[in-house]
Amino acid sequence: MPIECVIADTTIGGVLEAEKASEKFTREGVGVSITVTPAWCYGTEVMDTDPFLPKAIWGFNGTERPGAVYLAAALAGYNQKGLPAFSIYGKDVQDSNDTSIPEDVKQKLLHFAKAGLAVAEMKK
């Protein structure tokens, strides 16, 4: 079956933006959630807390951007809330202006999306 990628209308920097994104995702019937940020932020500021959506976090591995720190912080937040999340991290460091998705990350994103959508479909 075809799928569609739904992206929040704004970045999420607080409760208001998170609520707007959540409303959009509910309205659009989103079945999985993938969080990524190209910059440092506190993981709990941007994490999806819907207990019914399978979740993944991509800790962008770029120069001057501590994706591993963000990924660990976000995973800790999910663990504290008892929400499982799949972690995605690239094996190579990218230049800070490189907007490409590395091959290993593409594969991890696709594996998560396929598994997560299968889970979402079973919940219907």
PDB file of N, CA and C in Angstrom:
ATOM      1  N   MET A   1       0.841  -1.183   0.000  1.00  0.00           N
ATOM      2  CA  MET A   1       0.000   0.000   0.000  1.00  0.00           C
ATOM      3  C   MET A   1       0.885   1.245   0.000  1.00  0.00           C
ATOM      4  N   PRO A   2       0.469   2.280  -0.695  1.00  0.00           N
ATOM      5  CA  PRO A   2       1.257   3.514  -0.679  1.00  0.00           C
ATOM      6  C   PRO A   2       1.175   4.181   0.690  1.00  0.00           C
ATOM      7  N   ILE A   3       2.246   4.890   1.050  1.00  0.00           N
ATOM      8  CA  ILE A   3       2.249   5.639   2.296  1.00  0.00           C
ATOM      9  C   ILE A   3       2.594   7.083   1.998  1.00  0.00           C
ATOM     10  N   GLU A   4       2.323   7.947   2.946  1.00  0.00           N
ATOM     11  CA  GLU A   4       2.619   9.363   2.795  1.00  0.00           C
ATOM     12  C   GLU A   4       3.404   9.825   4.009  1.00  0.00           C
ATOM     13  N   CYS A   5       4.387  10.668   3.791  1.00  0.00           N
ATOM     14  CA  CYS A   5       5.168  11.255   4.879  1.00  0.00           C
ATOM     15  C   CYS A   5       4.509  12.576   5.256  1.00  0.00           C
ATOM     16  N   VAL A   6       4.111  12.703   6.508  1.00  0.00           N
ATOM     17  CA  VAL A   6       3.490  13.924   7.004  1.00  0.00           C
ATOM     18  C   VAL A   6       4.497  14.616   7.923  1.00  0.00           C
ATOM     19  N   ILE A   7       4.762  15.879   7.658  1.00  0.00           N
ATOM     20  CA  ILE A   7       5.742  16.641   8.424  1.00  0.00           C
ATOM     21  C   ILE A   7       5.022  17.772   9.144  1.00  0.00           C
ATOM     22  N   ALA A   8       5.423  18.023  10.385  1.00  0.00           N
ATOM     23  CA  ALA A   8       4.847  19.132  11.150  1.00  0.00           C
ATOM     24  C   ALA A   8       5.028  20.434  10.371  1.00  0.00           C
ATOM     25  N   ASP A   9       4.095  21.356  10.537  1.00  0.00           N
ATOM     26  CA  ASP A   9       4.157  22.618   9.806  1.00  0.00           C
ATOM     27  C   ASP A   9       5.269  23.541  10.305  1.00  0.00           C
ATOM     28  N   THR A  10       5.676  23.348  11.543  1.00  0.00           N
ATOM     29  CA  THR A  10       6.748  24.166  12.117  1.00  0.00           C
ATOM     30  C   THR A  10       7.696  23.249  12.882  1.00  0.00           C
ATOM     31  N   THR A  11       8.829  23.786  13.251  1.00  0.00           N
ATOM     32  CA  THR A  11       9.685  23.054  14.165  1.00  0.00           C
ATOM     33  C   THR A  11       8.999  23.048  15.524  1.00  0.00           C
ATOM     34  N   ILE A  12       9.369  22.108  16.365  1.00  0.00           N
ATOM     35  CA  ILE A  12       8.752  22.008  17.681  1.00  0.00           C
ATOM     36  C   ILE A  12       9.749  22.526  18.708  1.00  0.00           C
ATOM     37  N   GLY A  13       9.406  23.648  19.312  1.00  0.00           N
ATOM     38  CA  GLY A  13      10.271  24.252  20.305  1.00  0.00           C
ATOM     39  C   GLY A  13       9.585  24.418  21.645  1.00  0.00           C
ATOM     40  N   GLY A  14       8.379  23.901  21.745  1.00  0.00           N
ATOM     41  CA  GLY A  14       7.637  24.035  22.995  1.00  0.00           C
ATOM     42  C   GLY A  14       6.279  23.374  22.900  1.00  0.00           C
ATOM     43  N   VAL A  15       5.484  23.583  23.929  1.00  0.00           N
ATOM     44  CA  VAL A  15       4.191  22.903  24.046  1.00  0.00           C
ATOM     45  C   VAL A  15       3.227  23.276  22.922  1.00  0.00           C
ATOM     46  N   LEU A  16       3.138  24.549  22.567  1.00  0.00           N
ATOM     47  CA  LEU A  16       2.206  24.982  21.530  1.00  0.00           C
ATOM     48  C   LEU A  16       2.493  24.306  20.193  1.00  0.00           C
ATOM     49  N   GLU A  17       3.767  24.322  19.781  1.00  0.00           N
ATOM     50  CA  GLU A  17       4.126  23.686  18.509  1.00  0.00           C
ATOM     51  C   GLU A  17       3.911  22.180  18.564  1.00  0.00           C
ATOM     52  N   ALA A  18       4.213  21.572  19.699  1.00  0.00           N
ATOM     53  CA  ALA A  18       4.011  20.126  19.854  1.00  0.00           C
ATOM     54  C   ALA A  18       2.536  19.777  19.736  1.00  0.00           C
ATOM     55  N   GLU A  19       1.673  20.575  20.340  1.00  0.00           N
ATOM     56  CA  GLU A  19       0.234  20.320  20.273  1.00  0.00           C
ATOM     57  C   GLU A  19      -0.279  20.467  18.848  1.00  0.00           C
ATOM     58  N   LYS A  20       0.173  21.485  18.137  1.00  0.00           N
ATOM     59  CA  LYS A  20      -0.243  21.671  16.735  1.00  0.00           C
ATOM     60  C   LYS A  20       0.208  20.496  15.877  1.00  0.00           C
ATOM     61  N   ALA A  21       1.439  20.022  16.086  1.00  0.00           N
ATOM     62  CA  ALA A  21       1.931  18.869  15.334  1.00  0.00           C
ATOM     63  C   ALA A  21       1.110  17.633  15.665  1.00  0.00           C
ATOM     64  N   SER A  22       0.820  17.429  16.931  1.00  0.00           N
ATOM     65  CA  SER A  22       0.023  16.276  17.349  1.00  0.00           C
ATOM     66  C   SER A  22      -1.366  16.302  16.721  1.00  0.00           C
ATOM     67  N   GLU A  23      -1.988  17.471  16.716  1.00  0.00           N
ATOM     68  CA  GLU A  23      -3.319  17.605  16.092  1.00  0.00           C
ATOM     69  C   GLU A  23      -3.258  17.279  14.606  1.00  0.00           C
ATOM     70  N   LYS A  24      -2.236  17.764  13.918  1.00  0.00           N
ATOM     71  CA  LYS A  24      -2.084  17.479  12.487  1.00  0.00           C
ATOM     72  C   LYS A  24      -1.874  15.994  12.263  1.00  0.00           C
ATOM     73  N   PHE A  25      -1.012  15.383  13.058  1.00  0.00           N
ATOM     74  CA  PHE A  25      -0.727  13.967  12.880  1.00  0.00           C
ATOM     75  C   PHE A  25      -1.972  13.117  13.129  1.00  0.00           C
ATOM     76  N   THR A  26      -2.766  13.484  14.123  1.00  0.00           N
ATOM     77  CA  THR A  26      -4.016  12.757  14.390  1.00  0.00           C
ATOM     78  C   THR A  26      -4.979  12.922  13.223  1.00  0.00           C
ATOM     79  N   ARG A  27      -5.139  14.154  12.761  1.00  0.00           N
ATOM     80  CA  ARG A  27      -6.036  14.451  11.640  1.00  0.00           C
ATOM     81  C   ARG A  27      -5.628  13.695  10.379  1.00  0.00           C
ATOM     82  N   GLU A  28      -4.313  13.559  10.151  1.00  0.00           N
ATOM     83  CA  GLU A  28      -3.796  12.906   8.945  1.00  0.00           C
ATOM     84  C   GLU A  28      -3.670  11.384   9.089  1.00  0.00           C
ATOM     85  N   GLY A  29      -3.956  10.852  10.286  1.00  0.00           N
ATOM     86  CA  GLY A  29      -3.887   9.405  10.492  1.00  0.00           C
ATOM     87  C   GLY A  29      -2.469   8.860  10.528  1.00  0.00           C
ATOM     88  N   VAL A  30      -1.535   9.624  11.066  1.00  0.00           N
ATOM     89  CA  VAL A  30      -0.134   9.206  11.134  1.00  0.00           C
ATOM     90  C   VAL A  30      -0.021   7.924  11.956  1.00  0.00           C
ATOM     91  N   GLY A  31       0.777   6.971  11.466  1.00  0.00           N
ATOM     92  CA  GLY A  31       0.912   5.674  12.123  1.00  0.00           C
ATOM     93  C   GLY A  31       2.228   5.453  12.840  1.00  0.00           C
ATOM     94  N   VAL A  32       3.265   6.243  12.512  1.00  0.00           N
ATOM     95  CA  VAL A  32       4.570   6.150  13.182  1.00  0.00           C
ATOM     96  C   VAL A  32       5.135   7.556  13.323  1.00  0.00           C
ATOM     97  N   SER A  33       6.090   7.703  14.231  1.00  0.00           N
ATOM     98  CA  SER A  33       6.694   9.008  14.478  1.00  0.00           C
ATOM     99  C   SER A  33       8.215   8.876  14.409  1.00  0.00           C
ATOM    100  N   ILE A  34       8.833   9.751  13.599  1.00  0.00           N
ATOM    101  CA  ILE A  34      10.288   9.806  13.521  1.00  0.00           C
ATOM    102  C   ILE A  34      10.702  11.233  13.867  1.00  0.00           C
ATOM    103  N   THR A  35      11.533  11.361  14.881  1.00  0.00           N
ATOM    104  CA  THR A  35      12.012  12.667  15.319  1.00  0.00           C
ATOM    105  C   THR A  35      13.451  12.833  14.868  1.00  0.00           C
ATOM    106  N   VAL A  36      13.757  14.009  14.312  1.00  0.00           N
ATOM    107  CA  VAL A  36      15.133  14.329  13.926  1.00  0.00           C
ATOM    108  C   VAL A  36      15.344  15.812  14.144  1.00  0.00           C
ATOM    109  N   THR A  37      16.540  16.170  14.531  1.00  0.00           N
ATOM    110  CA  THR A  37      16.895  17.577  14.643  1.00  0.00           C
ATOM    111  C   THR A  37      18.325  17.762  14.158  1.00  0.00           C
ATOM    112  N   PRO A  38      18.583  18.822  13.391  1.00  0.00           N
ATOM    113  CA  PRO A  38      19.944  19.083  12.942  1.00  0.00           C
ATOM    114  C   PRO A  38      20.739  19.911  13.956  1.00  0.00           C
ATOM    115  N   ALA A  39      20.131  20.235  15.084  1.00  0.00           N
ATOM    116  CA  ALA A  39      20.799  21.083  16.065  1.00  0.00           C
ATOM    117  C   ALA A  39      20.560  20.532  17.464  1.00  0.00           C
ATOM    118  N   TRP A  40      21.342  20.983  18.417  1.00  0.00           N
ATOM    119  CA  TRP A  40      21.165  20.556  19.795  1.00  0.00           C
ATOM    120  C   TRP A  40      19.829  21.064  20.335  1.00  0.00           C
ATOM    121  N   CYS A  41      19.156  20.232  21.063  1.00  0.00           N
ATOM    122  CA  CYS A  41      17.976  20.617  21.823  1.00  0.00           C
ATOM    123  C   CYS A  41      17.821  19.594  22.935  1.00  0.00           C
ATOM    124  N   TYR A  42      17.003  19.896  23.896  1.00  0.00           N
ATOM    125  CA  TYR A  42      16.721  18.916  24.930  1.00  0.00           C
ATOM    126  C   TYR A  42      15.714  17.934  24.356  1.00  0.00           C
ATOM    127  N   GLY A  43      16.029  16.651  24.452  1.00  0.00           N
ATOM    128  CA  GLY A  43      15.176  15.635  23.847  1.00  0.00           C
ATOM    129  C   GLY A  43      13.736  15.697  24.310  1.00  0.00           C
ATOM    130  N   THR A  44      13.517  16.007  25.564  1.00  0.00           N
ATOM    131  CA  THR A  44      12.150  16.037  26.087  1.00  0.00           C
ATOM    132  C   THR A  44      11.362  17.245  25.582  1.00  0.00           C
ATOM    133  N   GLU A  45      12.018  18.218  24.977  1.00  0.00           N
ATOM    134  CA  GLU A  45      11.307  19.365  24.412  1.00  0.00           C
ATOM    135  C   GLU A  45      10.600  19.005  23.113  1.00  0.00           C
ATOM    136  N   VAL A  46      11.127  18.047  22.388  1.00  0.00           N
ATOM    137  CA  VAL A  46      10.595  17.762  21.057  1.00  0.00           C
ATOM    138  C   VAL A  46      10.064  16.347  20.899  1.00  0.00           C
ATOM    139  N   MET A  47      10.101  15.555  21.967  1.00  0.00           N
ATOM    140  CA  MET A  47       9.702  14.158  21.821  1.00  0.00           C
ATOM    141  C   MET A  47       8.194  13.995  21.686  1.00  0.00           C
ATOM    142  N   ASP A  48       7.817  13.025  20.909  1.00  0.00           N
ATOM    143  CA  ASP A  48       6.418  12.656  20.715  1.00  0.00           C
ATOM    144  C   ASP A  48       6.008  11.772  21.892  1.00  0.00           C
ATOM    145  N   THR A  49       4.977  12.159  22.623  1.00  0.00           N
ATOM    146  CA  THR A  49       4.574  11.379  23.796  1.00  0.00           C
ATOM    147  C   THR A  49       3.295  10.581  23.572  1.00  0.00           C
ATOM    148  N   ASP A  50       2.853  10.467  22.328  1.00  0.00           N
ATOM    149  CA  ASP A  50       1.676   9.640  22.043  1.00  0.00           C
ATOM    150  C   ASP A  50       2.042   8.184  22.325  1.00  0.00           C
ATOM    151  N   PRO A  51       1.403   7.555  23.316  1.00  0.00           N
ATOM    152  CA  PRO A  51       1.791   6.192  23.680  1.00  0.00           C
ATOM    153  C   PRO A  51       1.406   5.137  22.645  1.00  0.00           C
ATOM    154  N   PHE A  52       0.639   5.524  21.631  1.00  0.00           N
ATOM    155  CA  PHE A  52       0.160   4.553  20.649  1.00  0.00           C
ATOM    156  C   PHE A  52       0.937   4.576  19.333  1.00  0.00           C
ATOM    157  N   LEU A  53       1.848   5.512  19.166  1.00  0.00           N
ATOM    158  CA  LEU A  53       2.637   5.583  17.935  1.00  0.00           C
ATOM    159  C   LEU A  53       4.009   4.950  18.135  1.00  0.00           C
ATOM    160  N   PRO A  54       4.389   4.007  17.272  1.00  0.00           N
ATOM    161  CA  PRO A  54       5.780   3.535  17.293  1.00  0.00           C
ATOM    162  C   PRO A  54       6.695   4.721  16.977  1.00  0.00           C
ATOM    163  N   LYS A  55       7.834   4.811  17.672  1.00  0.00           N
ATOM    164  CA  LYS A  55       8.701   5.974  17.575  1.00  0.00           C
ATOM    165  C   LYS A  55      10.138   5.626  17.208  1.00  0.00           C
ATOM    166  N   ALA A  56      10.758   6.536  16.484  1.00  0.00           N
ATOM    167  CA  ALA A  56      12.188   6.443  16.206  1.00  0.00           C
ATOM    168  C   ALA A  56      12.778   7.837  16.342  1.00  0.00           C
ATOM    169  N   ILE A  57      14.054   7.874  16.673  1.00  0.00           N
ATOM    170  CA  ILE A  57      14.780   9.134  16.784  1.00  0.00           C
ATOM    171  C   ILE A  57      16.044   9.001  15.951  1.00  0.00           C
ATOM    172  N   TRP A  58      16.269   9.955  15.068  1.00  0.00           N
ATOM    173  CA  TRP A  58      17.513  10.002  14.310  1.00  0.00           C
ATOM    174  C   TRP A  58      18.398  11.036  14.973  1.00  0.00           C
ATOM    175  N   GLY A  59      19.482  10.604  15.564  1.00  0.00           N
ATOM    176  CA  GLY A  59      20.470  11.507  16.148  1.00  0.00           C
ATOM    177  C   GLY A  59      21.447  11.911  15.067  1.00  0.00           C
ATOM    178  N   PHE A  60      21.149  12.988  14.367  1.00  0.00           N
ATOM    179  CA  PHE A  60      21.964  13.458  13.243  1.00  0.00           C
ATOM    180  C   PHE A  60      23.425  13.558  13.649  1.00  0.00           C
ATOM    181  N   ASN A  61      24.303  12.888  12.933  1.00  0.00           N
ATOM    182  CA  ASN A  61      25.721  12.809  13.248  1.00  0.00           C
ATOM    183  C   ASN A  61      26.491  13.790  12.366  1.00  0.00           C
ATOM    184  N   GLY A  62      26.457  15.085  12.748  1.00  0.00           N
ATOM    185  CA  GLY A  62      27.122  16.103  11.954  1.00  0.00           C
ATOM    186  C   GLY A  62      28.165  16.868  12.736  1.00  0.00           C
ATOM    187  N   THR A  63      29.076  17.489  12.009  1.00  0.00           N
ATOM    188  CA  THR A  63      30.105  18.286  12.661  1.00  0.00           C
ATOM    189  C   THR A  63      29.450  19.413  13.442  1.00  0.00           C
ATOM    190  N   GLU A  64      29.965  19.691  14.613  1.00  0.00           N
ATOM    191  CA  GLU A  64      29.467  20.752  15.486  1.00  0.00           C
ATOM    192  C   GLU A  64      28.008  20.540  15.903  1.00  0.00           C
ATOM    193  N   ARG A  65      27.480  19.349  15.737  1.00  0.00           N
ATOM    194  CA  ARG A  65      26.097  19.055  16.119  1.00  0.00           C
ATOM    195  C   ARG A  65      26.085  17.721  16.849  1.00  0.00           C
ATOM    196  N   PRO A  66      25.909  17.760  18.139  1.00  0.00           N
ATOM    197  CA  PRO A  66      26.057  16.540  18.945  1.00  0.00           C
ATOM    198  C   PRO A  66      24.839  15.613  18.865  1.00  0.00           C
ATOM    199  N   GLY A  67      24.674  14.951  17.739  1.00  0.00           N
ATOM    200  CA  GLY A  67      23.543  14.055  17.559  1.00  0.00           C
ATOM    201  C   GLY A  67      23.509  12.918  18.555  1.00  0.00           C
ATOM    202  N   ALA A  68      24.677  12.419  18.941  1.00  0.00           N
ATOM    203  CA  ALA A  68      24.719  11.319  19.910  1.00  0.00           C
ATOM    204  C   ALA A  68      24.209  11.786  21.266  1.00  0.00           C
ATOM    205  N   VAL A  69      24.529  13.018  21.639  1.00  0.00           N
ATOM    206  CA  VAL A  69      24.057  13.569  22.914  1.00  0.00           C
ATOM    207  C   VAL A  69      22.552  13.758  22.864  1.00  0.00           C
ATOM    208  N   TYR A  70      22.052  14.344  21.781  1.00  0.00           N
ATOM    209  CA  TYR A  70      20.606  14.517  21.610  1.00  0.00           C
ATOM    210  C   TYR A  70      19.896  13.170  21.632  1.00  0.00           C
ATOM    211  N   LEU A  71      20.418  12.209  20.903  1.00  0.00           N
ATOM    212  CA  LEU A  71      19.810  10.887  20.832  1.00  0.00           C
ATOM    213  C   LEU A  71      19.740  10.249  22.218  1.00  0.00           C
ATOM    214  N   ALA A  72      20.827  10.312  22.966  1.00  0.00           N
ATOM    215  CA  ALA A  72      20.850   9.735  24.316  1.00  0.00           C
ATOM    216  C   ALA A  72      19.868  10.451  25.235  1.00  0.00           C
ATOM    217  N   ALA A  73      19.793  11.777  25.142  1.00  0.00           N
ATOM    218  CA  ALA A  73      18.873  12.536  25.986  1.00  0.00           C
ATOM    219  C   ALA A  73      17.421  12.206  25.653  1.00  0.00           C
ATOM    220  N   ALA A  74      17.105  12.146  24.362  1.00  0.00           N
ATOM    221  CA  ALA A  74      15.734  11.828  23.959  1.00  0.00           C
ATOM    222  C   ALA A  74      15.355  10.406  24.364  1.00  0.00           C
ATOM    223  N   LEU A  75      16.258   9.454  24.167  1.00  0.00           N
ATOM    224  CA  LEU A  75      15.979   8.073  24.570  1.00  0.00           C
ATOM    225  C   LEU A  75      15.777   7.966  26.075  1.00  0.00           C
ATOM    226  N   ALA A  76      16.553   8.730  26.845  1.00  0.00           N
ATOM    227  CA  ALA A  76      16.378   8.729  28.301  1.00  0.00           C
ATOM    228  C   ALA A  76      15.000   9.260  28.669  1.00  0.00           C
ATOM    229  N   GLY A  77      14.555  10.305  27.987  1.00  0.00           N
ATOM    230  CA  GLY A  77      13.216  10.846  28.236  1.00  0.00           C
ATOM    231  C   GLY A  77      12.132   9.831  27.926  1.00  0.00           C
ATOM    232  N   TYR A  78      12.260   9.139  26.797  1.00  0.00           N
ATOM    233  CA  TYR A  78      11.285   8.100  26.453  1.00  0.00           C
ATOM    234  C   TYR A  78      11.307   6.976  27.494  1.00  0.00           C
ATOM    235  N   ASN A  79      12.495   6.573  27.914  1.00  0.00           N
ATOM    236  CA  ASN A  79      12.599   5.518  28.930  1.00  0.00           C
ATOM    237  C   ASN A  79      11.932   5.934  30.223  1.00  0.00           C
ATOM    238  N   GLN A  80      12.126   7.176  30.641  1.00  0.00           N
ATOM    239  CA  GLN A  80      11.510   7.652  31.876  1.00  0.00           C
ATOM    240  C   GLN A  80       9.993   7.626  31.795  1.00  0.00           C
ATOM    241  N   LYS A  81       9.451   7.836  30.615  1.00  0.00           N
ATOM    242  CA  LYS A  81       7.999   7.809  30.423  1.00  0.00           C
ATOM    243  C   LYS A  81       7.488   6.408  30.091  1.00  0.00           C
ATOM    244  N   GLY A  82       8.393   5.446  29.974  1.00  0.00           N
ATOM    245  CA  GLY A  82       7.982   4.085  29.647  1.00  0.00           C
ATOM    246  C   GLY A  82       7.538   3.913  28.212  1.00  0.00           C
ATOM    247  N   LEU A  83       8.052   4.757  27.320  1.00  0.00           N
ATOM    248  CA  LEU A  83       7.688   4.706  25.907  1.00  0.00           C
ATOM    249  C   LEU A  83       8.866   4.166  25.101  1.00  0.00           C
ATOM    250  N   PRO A  84       8.708   3.028  24.443  1.00  0.00           N
ATOM    251  CA  PRO A  84       9.813   2.492  23.648  1.00  0.00           C
ATOM    252  C   PRO A  84      10.092   3.372  22.433  1.00  0.00           C
ATOM    253  N   ALA A  85      11.350   3.476  22.076  1.00  0.00           N
ATOM    254  CA  ALA A  85      11.750   4.236  20.892  1.00  0.00           C
ATOM    255  C   ALA A  85      12.951   3.549  20.259  1.00  0.00           C
ATOM    256  N   PHE A  86      12.974   3.532  18.931  1.00  0.00           N
ATOM    257  CA  PHE A  86      14.051   2.942  18.150  1.00  0.00           C
ATOM    258  C   PHE A  86      15.079   4.025  17.864  1.00  0.00           C
ATOM    259  N   SER A  87      16.339   3.750  18.135  1.00  0.00           N
ATOM    260  CA  SER A  87      17.366   4.768  17.903  1.00  0.00           C
ATOM    261  C   SER A  87      18.057   4.574  16.565  1.00  0.00           C
ATOM    262  N   ILE A  88      18.297   5.677  15.871  1.00  0.00           N
ATOM    263  CA  ILE A  88      18.950   5.669  14.568  1.00  0.00           C
ATOM    264  C   ILE A  88      20.140   6.615  14.636  1.00  0.00           C
ATOM    265  N   TYR A  89      21.296   6.111  14.265  1.00  0.00           N
ATOM    266  CA  TYR A  89      22.498   6.933  14.279  1.00  0.00           C
ATOM    267  C   TYR A  89      23.383   6.500  13.122  1.00  0.00           C
ATOM    268  N   GLY A  90      23.903   7.455  12.375  1.00  0.00           N
ATOM    269  CA  GLY A  90      24.760   7.145  11.240  1.00  0.00           C
ATOM    270  C   GLY A  90      26.182   6.827  11.658  1.00  0.00           C
ATOM    271  N   LYS A  91      26.848   5.977  10.883  1.00  0.00           N
ATOM    272  CA  LYS A  91      28.218   5.578  11.235  1.00  0.00           C
ATOM    273  C   LYS A  91      29.239   6.647  10.863  1.00  0.00           C
ATOM    274  N   ASP A  92      28.903   7.528   9.940  1.00  0.00           N
ATOM    275  CA  ASP A  92      29.842   8.561   9.491  1.00  0.00           C
ATOM    276  C   ASP A  92      29.387   9.948   9.929  1.00  0.00           C
ATOM    277  N   VAL A  93      30.362  10.788  10.270  1.00  0.00           N
ATOM    278  CA  VAL A  93      30.071  12.189  10.596  1.00  0.00           C
ATOM    279  C   VAL A  93      29.906  12.959   9.292  1.00  0.00           C
ATOM    280  N   GLN A  94      28.850  13.781   9.232  1.00  0.00           N
ATOM    281  CA  GLN A  94      28.599  14.581   8.044  1.00  0.00           C
ATOM    282  C   GLN A  94      29.021  16.022   8.299  1.00  0.00           C
ATOM    283  N   ASP A  95      29.361  16.735   7.229  1.00  0.00           N
ATOM    284  CA  ASP A  95      29.614  18.167   7.351  1.00  0.00           C
ATOM    285  C   ASP A  95      28.317  18.839   7.783  1.00  0.00           C
ATOM    286  N   SER A  96      28.435  19.919   8.518  1.00  0.00           N
ATOM    287  CA  SER A  96      27.251  20.574   9.069  1.00  0.00           C
ATOM    288  C   SER A  96      26.296  21.086   7.993  1.00  0.00           C
ATOM    289  N   ASN A  97      26.782  21.362   6.795  1.00  0.00           N
ATOM    290  CA  ASN A  97      25.911  21.836   5.715  1.00  0.00           C
ATOM    291  C   ASN A  97      25.436  20.711   4.789  1.00  0.00           C
ATOM    292  N   ASP A  98      25.764  19.477   5.112  1.00  0.00           N
ATOM    293  CA  ASP A  98      25.368  18.320   4.300  1.00  0.00           C
ATOM    294  C   ASP A  98      23.956  17.902   4.692  1.00  0.00           C
ATOM    295  N   THR A  99      23.008  18.082   3.786  1.00  0.00           N
ATOM    296  CA  THR A  99      21.615  17.745   4.077  1.00  0.00           C
ATOM    297  C   THR A  99      21.206  16.373   3.540  1.00  0.00           C
ATOM    298  N   SER A 100      22.162  15.613   3.045  1.00  0.00           N
ATOM    299  CA  SER A 100      21.842  14.281   2.523  1.00  0.00           C
ATOM    300  C   SER A 100      21.575  13.300   3.664  1.00  0.00           C
ATOM    301  N   ILE A 101      20.913  12.227   3.325  1.00  0.00           N
ATOM    302  CA  ILE A 101      20.687  11.150   4.294  1.00  0.00           C
ATOM    303  C   ILE A 101      21.624  10.011   3.907  1.00  0.00           C
ATOM    304  N   PRO A 102      22.581   9.666   4.784  1.00  0.00           N
ATOM    305  CA  PRO A 102      23.538   8.603   4.457  1.00  0.00           C
ATOM    306  C   PRO A 102      22.841   7.260   4.217  1.00  0.00           C
ATOM    307  N   GLU A 103      23.473   6.404   3.424  1.00  0.00           N
ATOM    308  CA  GLU A 103      22.885   5.111   3.067  1.00  0.00           C
ATOM    309  C   GLU A 103      22.533   4.267   4.292  1.00  0.00           C
ATOM    310  N   ASP A 104      23.418   4.220   5.299  1.00  0.00           N
ATOM    311  CA  ASP A 104      23.123   3.395   6.473  1.00  0.00           C
ATOM    312  C   ASP A 104      21.909   3.940   7.234  1.00  0.00           C
ATOM    313  N   VAL A 105      21.766   5.269   7.259  1.00  0.00           N
ATOM    314  CA  VAL A 105      20.620   5.877   7.929  1.00  0.00           C
ATOM    315  C   VAL A 105      19.345   5.619   7.123  1.00  0.00           C
ATOM    316  N   LYS A 106      19.439   5.706   5.787  1.00  0.00           N
ATOM    317  CA  LYS A 106      18.278   5.407   4.935  1.00  0.00           C
ATOM    318  C   LYS A 106      17.751   4.010   5.232  1.00  0.00           C
ATOM    319  N   GLN A 107      18.662   3.043   5.313  1.00  0.00           N
ATOM    320  CA  GLN A 107      18.249   1.662   5.583  1.00  0.00           C
ATOM    321  C   GLN A 107      17.574   1.539   6.952  1.00  0.00           C
ATOM    322  N   LYS A 108      18.138   2.189   7.952  1.00  0.00           N
ATOM    323  CA  LYS A 108      17.544   2.137   9.299  1.00  0.00           C
ATOM    324  C   LYS A 108      16.179   2.807   9.321  1.00  0.00           C
ATOM    325  N   LEU A 109      16.041   3.936   8.629  1.00  0.00           N
ATOM    326  CA  LEU A 109      14.743   4.618   8.554  1.00  0.00           C
ATOM    327  C   LEU A 109      13.701   3.739   7.869  1.00  0.00           C
ATOM    328  N   LEU A 110      14.107   3.093   6.784  1.00  0.00           N
ATOM    329  CA  LEU A 110      13.166   2.216   6.064  1.00  0.00           C
ATOM    330  C   LEU A 110      12.785   0.993   6.892  1.00  0.00           C
ATOM    331  N   HIS A 111      13.745   0.386   7.568  1.00  0.00           N
ATOM    332  CA  HIS A 111      13.432  -0.765   8.427  1.00  0.00           C
ATOM    333  C   HIS A 111      12.445  -0.368   9.519  1.00  0.00           C
ATOM    334  N   PHE A 112      12.711   0.779  10.166  1.00  0.00           N
ATOM    335  CA  PHE A 112      11.791   1.238  11.203  1.00  0.00           C
ATOM    336  C   PHE A 112      10.410   1.528  10.625  1.00  0.00           C
ATOM    337  N   ALA A 113      10.363   2.254   9.509  1.00  0.00           N
ATOM    338  CA  ALA A 113       9.074   2.618   8.920  1.00  0.00           C
ATOM    339  C   ALA A 113       8.256   1.378   8.576  1.00  0.00           C
ATOM    340  N   LYS A 114       8.878   0.388   7.978  1.00  0.00           N
ATOM    341  CA  LYS A 114       8.153  -0.839   7.616  1.00  0.00           C
ATOM    342  C   LYS A 114       7.624  -1.559   8.857  1.00  0.00           C
ATOM    343  N   ALA A 115       8.482  -1.714   9.849  1.00  0.00           N
ATOM    344  CA  ALA A 115       8.060  -2.399  11.079  1.00  0.00           C
ATOM    345  C   ALA A 115       7.020  -1.577  11.829  1.00  0.00           C
ATOM    346  N   GLY A 116       7.261  -0.278  11.944  1.00  0.00           N
ATOM    347  CA  GLY A 116       6.322   0.591  12.651  1.00  0.00           C
ATOM    348  C   GLY A 116       4.957   0.657  11.990  1.00  0.00           C
ATOM    349  N   LEU A 117       4.940   0.704  10.670  1.00  0.00           N
ATOM    350  CA  LEU A 117       3.657   0.746   9.959  1.00  0.00           C
ATOM    351  C   LEU A 117       2.914  -0.588  10.076  1.00  0.00           C
ATOM    352  N   ALA A 118       3.652  -1.690  10.136  1.00  0.00           N
ATOM    353  CA  ALA A 118       3.002  -2.993  10.355  1.00  0.00           C
ATOM    354  C   ALA A 118       2.327  -3.006  11.729  1.00  0.00           C
ATOM    355  N   VAL A 119       3.008  -2.472  12.729  1.00  0.00           N
ATOM    356  CA  VAL A 119       2.423  -2.387  14.080  1.00  0.00           C
ATOM    357  C   VAL A 119       1.210  -1.466  14.059  1.00  0.00           C
ATOM    358  N   ALA A 120       1.342  -0.314  13.421  1.00  0.00           N
ATOM    359  CA  ALA A 120       0.222   0.643  13.351  1.00  0.00           C
ATOM    360  C   ALA A 120      -0.985   0.011  12.668  1.00  0.00           C
ATOM    361  N   GLU A 121      -0.754  -0.753  11.623  1.00  0.00           N
ATOM    362  CA  GLU A 121      -1.856  -1.397  10.890  1.00  0.00           C
ATOM    363  C   GLU A 121      -2.551  -2.432  11.779  1.00  0.00           C
ATOM    364  N   MET A 122      -1.778  -3.159  12.594  1.00  0.00           N
ATOM    365  CA  MET A 122      -2.374  -4.168  13.479  1.00  0.00           C
ATOM    366  C   MET A 122      -3.258  -3.515  14.536  1.00  0.00           C
ATOM    367  N   LYS A 123      -3.004  -2.272  14.885  1.00  0.00           N
ATOM    368  CA  LYS A 123      -3.769  -1.581  15.920  1.00  0.00           C
ATOM    369  C   LYS A 123      -5.115  -1.078  15.416  1.00  0.00           C
ATOM    370  N   LYS A 124      -5.303  -1.055  14.101  1.00  0.00           N
ATOM    371  CA  LYS A 124      -6.576  -0.548  13.534  1.00  0.00           C
ATOM    372  C   LYS A 124      -7.710  -1.508  13.802  1.00  0.00           C
TER     373      LYS A 124
END
